[in-house]
Amino acid sequence: MSNISLYCLPYSGGSAAMYYKWRSVLSDNITLRPLEPAGRGTRIRQPLCLTMVDAVADLYQQFVKHYAGGDYAIFGHSLGGIMAFELVHYILDHGHDMPCALFFFRLSPTRSGLS
């Protein structure tokens, strides 16, 4: 089985810390790489990105800091899913390979009957 780096993006207002507990349940061939948005978690003192373009460029810098080639996947939760989608385009625009998988997750709405 080949090694895979799994880059994870949190929900709006969330921190990369939400993914740390995954390390204990992921297969040994998966390296967890949570990406921390500016102004959150370990980067709380850094100014928030005010646009999606700036946020994606910032996340890309974290991606290339750890990416050394090979297979990788990206997981995004809620707003992190939208950022993951945009990040993949940014990654491809900068000449990197397509991820082997892209995962989006969201919870169901808390209210039903909306149209």
N, C-alpha and C. Protein backbone atom coordinates (compact mmCIF):
# COMPACT_ATOMS: atom_id res chain seq x y z
N MET A 1 0.84 -1.17 0.00
CA MET A 1 0.00 0.00 0.00
C MET A 1 0.89 1.24 0.00
N SER A 2 0.57 2.23 -0.85
CA SER A 2 1.39 3.43 -0.92
C SER A 2 1.04 4.39 0.22
N ASN A 3 1.99 5.25 0.53
CA ASN A 3 1.76 6.26 1.56
C ASN A 3 0.97 7.42 0.99
N ILE A 4 0.09 7.98 1.80
CA ILE A 4 -0.77 9.09 1.40
C ILE A 4 -0.71 10.16 2.48
N SER A 5 -0.57 11.41 2.06
CA SER A 5 -0.69 12.54 2.98
C SER A 5 -2.13 13.03 2.89
N LEU A 6 -2.78 13.16 4.04
CA LEU A 6 -4.16 13.62 4.10
C LEU A 6 -4.19 15.02 4.69
N TYR A 7 -4.49 16.00 3.84
CA TYR A 7 -4.58 17.40 4.26
C TYR A 7 -6.03 17.69 4.62
N CYS A 8 -6.25 18.23 5.82
CA CYS A 8 -7.61 18.45 6.33
C CYS A 8 -7.85 19.92 6.64
N LEU A 9 -9.01 20.41 6.22
CA LEU A 9 -9.40 21.80 6.46
C LEU A 9 -10.63 21.82 7.36
N PRO A 10 -10.59 22.63 8.43
CA PRO A 10 -11.70 22.66 9.38
C PRO A 10 -12.87 23.51 8.90
N TYR A 11 -13.95 23.44 9.65
CA TYR A 11 -15.15 24.25 9.39
C TYR A 11 -14.87 25.72 9.71
N SER A 12 -15.78 26.58 9.33
CA SER A 12 -15.66 28.02 9.60
C SER A 12 -15.52 28.26 11.10
N GLY A 13 -14.47 28.94 11.49
CA GLY A 13 -14.23 29.21 12.90
C GLY A 13 -13.51 28.09 13.61
N GLY A 14 -13.29 26.97 12.93
CA GLY A 14 -12.65 25.82 13.54
C GLY A 14 -11.14 25.86 13.44
N SER A 15 -10.52 24.90 14.09
CA SER A 15 -9.07 24.80 14.14
C SER A 15 -8.64 23.42 13.64
N ALA A 16 -7.40 23.36 13.20
CA ALA A 16 -6.82 22.08 12.77
C ALA A 16 -6.82 21.05 13.90
N ALA A 17 -6.91 21.52 15.14
CA ALA A 17 -6.89 20.61 16.29
C ALA A 17 -8.03 19.60 16.25
N MET A 18 -9.11 19.93 15.55
CA MET A 18 -10.24 19.00 15.48
C MET A 18 -9.86 17.67 14.83
N TYR A 19 -8.76 17.66 14.08
CA TYR A 19 -8.33 16.45 13.38
C TYR A 19 -7.27 15.64 14.12
N TYR A 20 -6.68 16.18 15.17
CA TYR A 20 -5.56 15.50 15.83
C TYR A 20 -5.93 14.10 16.32
N LYS A 21 -7.14 13.92 16.81
CA LYS A 21 -7.53 12.60 17.33
C LYS A 21 -7.63 11.55 16.22
N TRP A 22 -7.68 11.98 14.97
CA TRP A 22 -7.74 11.03 13.86
C TRP A 22 -6.46 10.19 13.77
N ARG A 23 -5.35 10.73 14.23
CA ARG A 23 -4.07 10.01 14.12
C ARG A 23 -4.15 8.61 14.70
N SER A 24 -4.92 8.45 15.76
CA SER A 24 -4.99 7.15 16.43
C SER A 24 -5.84 6.12 15.68
N VAL A 25 -6.61 6.57 14.70
CA VAL A 25 -7.48 5.63 13.99
C VAL A 25 -7.15 5.48 12.50
N LEU A 26 -6.28 6.32 11.98
CA LEU A 26 -5.91 6.22 10.57
C LEU A 26 -4.91 5.09 10.36
N SER A 27 -4.94 4.52 9.18
CA SER A 27 -3.99 3.49 8.79
C SER A 27 -2.56 4.06 8.86
N ASP A 28 -1.60 3.18 9.09
CA ASP A 28 -0.20 3.59 9.21
C ASP A 28 0.35 4.24 7.94
N ASN A 29 -0.26 3.98 6.80
CA ASN A 29 0.24 4.55 5.55
C ASN A 29 -0.34 5.95 5.26
N ILE A 30 -1.17 6.47 6.17
CA ILE A 30 -1.76 7.80 6.00
C ILE A 30 -1.12 8.77 6.98
N THR A 31 -0.51 9.83 6.44
CA THR A 31 0.08 10.88 7.27
C THR A 31 -0.90 12.03 7.33
N LEU A 32 -1.38 12.33 8.52
CA LEU A 32 -2.34 13.41 8.72
C LEU A 32 -1.63 14.75 8.67
N ARG A 33 -2.16 15.67 7.87
CA ARG A 33 -1.60 17.01 7.71
C ARG A 33 -2.71 18.05 7.84
N PRO A 34 -3.18 18.33 9.06
CA PRO A 34 -4.22 19.35 9.21
C PRO A 34 -3.68 20.73 8.83
N LEU A 35 -4.45 21.48 8.08
CA LEU A 35 -4.06 22.84 7.69
C LEU A 35 -4.77 23.83 8.62
N GLU A 36 -4.02 24.76 9.17
CA GLU A 36 -4.55 25.71 10.16
C GLU A 36 -4.81 27.06 9.50
N PRO A 37 -6.07 27.48 9.42
CA PRO A 37 -6.36 28.80 8.87
C PRO A 37 -5.76 29.91 9.74
N ALA A 38 -5.35 31.00 9.10
CA ALA A 38 -4.84 32.16 9.83
C ALA A 38 -5.90 32.65 10.81
N GLY A 39 -5.46 33.03 12.01
CA GLY A 39 -6.38 33.53 13.02
C GLY A 39 -7.07 32.45 13.83
N ARG A 40 -6.69 31.20 13.64
CA ARG A 40 -7.31 30.08 14.36
C ARG A 40 -6.22 29.23 15.02
N GLY A 41 -6.60 28.53 16.08
CA GLY A 41 -5.72 27.55 16.71
C GLY A 41 -4.31 28.06 16.96
N THR A 42 -3.33 27.33 16.44
CA THR A 42 -1.92 27.68 16.64
C THR A 42 -1.52 28.96 15.93
N ARG A 43 -2.40 29.48 15.07
CA ARG A 43 -2.11 30.72 14.33
C ARG A 43 -3.06 31.85 14.77
N ILE A 44 -3.53 31.77 16.00
CA ILE A 44 -4.54 32.69 16.51
C ILE A 44 -4.07 34.15 16.46
N ARG A 45 -2.80 34.41 16.58
CA ARG A 45 -2.28 35.78 16.59
C ARG A 45 -2.10 36.36 15.19
N GLN A 46 -2.25 35.55 14.18
CA GLN A 46 -2.12 36.04 12.80
C GLN A 46 -3.46 36.60 12.33
N PRO A 47 -3.43 37.64 11.51
CA PRO A 47 -4.69 38.22 11.04
C PRO A 47 -5.49 37.25 10.17
N LEU A 48 -6.80 37.30 10.33
CA LEU A 48 -7.69 36.48 9.50
C LEU A 48 -7.56 36.88 8.04
N CYS A 49 -7.74 35.93 7.16
CA CYS A 49 -7.83 36.23 5.73
C CYS A 49 -9.25 36.73 5.46
N LEU A 50 -9.37 37.83 4.75
CA LEU A 50 -10.67 38.45 4.54
C LEU A 50 -11.35 38.02 3.24
N THR A 51 -10.61 37.34 2.37
CA THR A 51 -11.20 36.86 1.12
C THR A 51 -10.85 35.39 0.93
N MET A 52 -11.64 34.71 0.13
CA MET A 52 -11.36 33.31 -0.19
C MET A 52 -10.02 33.20 -0.92
N VAL A 53 -9.75 34.14 -1.80
CA VAL A 53 -8.48 34.12 -2.55
C VAL A 53 -7.30 34.15 -1.59
N ASP A 54 -7.35 35.04 -0.61
CA ASP A 54 -6.26 35.13 0.37
C ASP A 54 -6.18 33.88 1.24
N ALA A 55 -7.33 33.35 1.64
CA ALA A 55 -7.36 32.15 2.48
C ALA A 55 -6.75 30.96 1.75
N VAL A 56 -7.10 30.80 0.48
CA VAL A 56 -6.58 29.67 -0.31
C VAL A 56 -5.08 29.82 -0.54
N ALA A 57 -4.63 31.03 -0.83
CA ALA A 57 -3.19 31.25 -1.01
C ALA A 57 -2.43 30.93 0.28
N ASP A 58 -3.00 31.30 1.41
CA ASP A 58 -2.40 31.01 2.71
C ASP A 58 -2.35 29.49 2.96
N LEU A 59 -3.44 28.81 2.68
CA LEU A 59 -3.48 27.35 2.86
C LEU A 59 -2.50 26.65 1.92
N TYR A 60 -2.36 27.18 0.72
CA TYR A 60 -1.41 26.61 -0.25
C TYR A 60 0.02 26.67 0.31
N GLN A 61 0.37 27.78 0.96
CA GLN A 61 1.71 27.89 1.54
C GLN A 61 1.96 26.80 2.58
N GLN A 62 0.94 26.46 3.34
CA GLN A 62 1.08 25.36 4.30
C GLN A 62 1.20 24.02 3.57
N PHE A 63 0.42 23.86 2.51
CA PHE A 63 0.47 22.63 1.72
C PHE A 63 1.88 22.39 1.18
N VAL A 64 2.46 23.39 0.50
CA VAL A 64 3.77 23.19 -0.13
C VAL A 64 4.88 23.05 0.91
N LYS A 65 4.66 23.55 2.10
CA LYS A 65 5.64 23.40 3.18
C LYS A 65 5.84 21.92 3.53
N HIS A 66 4.78 21.12 3.40
CA HIS A 66 4.84 19.71 3.78
C HIS A 66 4.82 18.75 2.60
N TYR A 67 4.38 19.19 1.44
CA TYR A 67 4.23 18.29 0.29
C TYR A 67 5.57 18.04 -0.38
N ALA A 68 5.94 16.79 -0.47
CA ALA A 68 7.21 16.41 -1.10
C ALA A 68 6.98 15.51 -2.30
N GLY A 69 5.79 15.58 -2.89
CA GLY A 69 5.44 14.71 -4.00
C GLY A 69 4.73 13.47 -3.48
N GLY A 70 4.25 12.69 -4.39
CA GLY A 70 3.55 11.47 -4.01
C GLY A 70 2.05 11.68 -3.86
N ASP A 71 1.40 10.62 -3.42
CA ASP A 71 -0.06 10.65 -3.30
C ASP A 71 -0.50 11.51 -2.13
N TYR A 72 -1.58 12.25 -2.35
CA TYR A 72 -2.17 13.03 -1.28
C TYR A 72 -3.67 13.12 -1.51
N ALA A 73 -4.38 13.39 -0.44
CA ALA A 73 -5.83 13.59 -0.49
C ALA A 73 -6.15 14.82 0.34
N ILE A 74 -7.31 15.41 0.07
CA ILE A 74 -7.74 16.59 0.81
C ILE A 74 -9.15 16.36 1.33
N PHE A 75 -9.35 16.71 2.60
CA PHE A 75 -10.65 16.59 3.26
C PHE A 75 -11.05 17.97 3.77
N GLY A 76 -12.28 18.37 3.48
CA GLY A 76 -12.78 19.64 3.99
C GLY A 76 -14.13 19.47 4.65
N HIS A 77 -14.29 20.08 5.82
CA HIS A 77 -15.55 20.02 6.56
C HIS A 77 -16.27 21.36 6.44
N SER A 78 -17.50 21.35 5.93
CA SER A 78 -18.34 22.53 5.81
C SER A 78 -17.64 23.60 4.97
N LEU A 79 -17.40 24.79 5.51
CA LEU A 79 -16.69 25.82 4.74
C LEU A 79 -15.31 25.31 4.32
N GLY A 80 -14.72 24.44 5.12
CA GLY A 80 -13.45 23.83 4.75
C GLY A 80 -13.56 23.03 3.47
N GLY A 81 -14.75 22.50 3.16
CA GLY A 81 -14.96 21.79 1.90
C GLY A 81 -14.90 22.73 0.71
N ILE A 82 -15.46 23.92 0.87
CA ILE A 82 -15.38 24.91 -0.20
C ILE A 82 -13.94 25.35 -0.39
N MET A 83 -13.25 25.58 0.72
CA MET A 83 -11.84 25.97 0.63
C MET A 83 -11.01 24.84 0.03
N ALA A 84 -11.33 23.58 0.35
CA ALA A 84 -10.62 22.44 -0.22
C ALA A 84 -10.78 22.40 -1.74
N PHE A 85 -12.00 22.64 -2.21
CA PHE A 85 -12.27 22.66 -3.64
C PHE A 85 -11.43 23.74 -4.33
N GLU A 86 -11.42 24.92 -3.74
CA GLU A 86 -10.64 26.03 -4.32
C GLU A 86 -9.14 25.76 -4.20
N LEU A 87 -8.73 25.15 -3.10
CA LEU A 87 -7.32 24.83 -2.91
C LEU A 87 -6.82 23.85 -3.96
N VAL A 88 -7.62 22.87 -4.31
CA VAL A 88 -7.21 21.91 -5.35
C VAL A 88 -6.96 22.64 -6.67
N HIS A 89 -7.84 23.56 -7.03
CA HIS A 89 -7.62 24.34 -8.26
C HIS A 89 -6.32 25.13 -8.17
N TYR A 90 -6.07 25.72 -7.03
CA TYR A 90 -4.84 26.51 -6.82
C TYR A 90 -3.61 25.61 -6.93
N ILE A 91 -3.69 24.44 -6.32
CA ILE A 91 -2.58 23.47 -6.38
C ILE A 91 -2.30 23.07 -7.83
N LEU A 92 -3.36 22.76 -8.57
CA LEU A 92 -3.19 22.37 -9.98
C LEU A 92 -2.66 23.52 -10.81
N ASP A 93 -3.14 24.73 -10.55
CA ASP A 93 -2.66 25.91 -11.28
C ASP A 93 -1.17 26.16 -11.04
N HIS A 94 -0.66 25.65 -9.93
CA HIS A 94 0.76 25.83 -9.61
C HIS A 94 1.59 24.60 -9.98
N GLY A 95 1.04 23.73 -10.84
CA GLY A 95 1.81 22.65 -11.44
C GLY A 95 1.92 21.36 -10.67
N HIS A 96 1.18 21.22 -9.59
CA HIS A 96 1.22 19.96 -8.83
C HIS A 96 0.20 18.97 -9.40
N ASP A 97 0.39 17.71 -9.04
CA ASP A 97 -0.52 16.66 -9.48
C ASP A 97 -1.87 16.76 -8.78
N MET A 98 -2.86 16.15 -9.41
CA MET A 98 -4.20 16.05 -8.85
C MET A 98 -4.16 15.16 -7.61
N PRO A 99 -4.93 15.48 -6.56
CA PRO A 99 -4.98 14.57 -5.41
C PRO A 99 -5.60 13.24 -5.81
N CYS A 100 -5.25 12.18 -5.09
CA CYS A 100 -5.84 10.87 -5.39
C CYS A 100 -7.28 10.80 -4.89
N ALA A 101 -7.64 11.69 -3.97
CA ALA A 101 -9.02 11.74 -3.47
C ALA A 101 -9.30 13.13 -2.90
N LEU A 102 -10.56 13.51 -2.99
CA LEU A 102 -11.02 14.78 -2.44
C LEU A 102 -12.33 14.50 -1.71
N PHE A 103 -12.38 14.81 -0.42
CA PHE A 103 -13.55 14.51 0.41
C PHE A 103 -14.18 15.79 0.93
N PHE A 104 -15.51 15.85 0.83
CA PHE A 104 -16.27 16.97 1.37
C PHE A 104 -17.25 16.41 2.39
N PHE A 105 -17.36 17.08 3.54
CA PHE A 105 -18.28 16.62 4.57
C PHE A 105 -19.07 17.81 5.10
N ARG A 106 -20.35 17.56 5.33
CA ARG A 106 -21.19 18.56 5.98
C ARG A 106 -22.27 17.82 6.76
N LEU A 107 -22.83 18.50 7.72
CA LEU A 107 -23.94 17.93 8.48
C LEU A 107 -25.24 18.31 7.80
N SER A 108 -26.27 17.53 8.05
CA SER A 108 -27.59 17.87 7.51
C SER A 108 -28.11 19.12 8.20
N PRO A 109 -28.97 19.87 7.52
CA PRO A 109 -29.55 21.05 8.16
C PRO A 109 -30.28 20.66 9.45
N THR A 110 -30.28 21.55 10.42
CA THR A 110 -30.95 21.25 11.68
C THR A 110 -32.46 21.42 11.57
N ARG A 111 -32.91 22.15 10.58
CA ARG A 111 -34.35 22.32 10.35
C ARG A 111 -34.70 21.70 9.01
N SER A 112 -35.89 21.14 8.94
CA SER A 112 -36.36 20.62 7.66
C SER A 112 -37.52 21.49 7.18
N GLY A 113 -37.96 21.26 5.99
CA GLY A 113 -39.09 21.99 5.45
C GLY A 113 -38.70 23.31 4.80
N LEU A 114 -37.41 23.55 4.62
CA LEU A 114 -36.99 24.77 3.93
C LEU A 114 -37.02 24.53 2.43
N SER A 115 -37.44 25.52 1.70
CA SER A 115 -37.45 25.35 0.24
C SER A 115 -36.65 26.44 -0.42
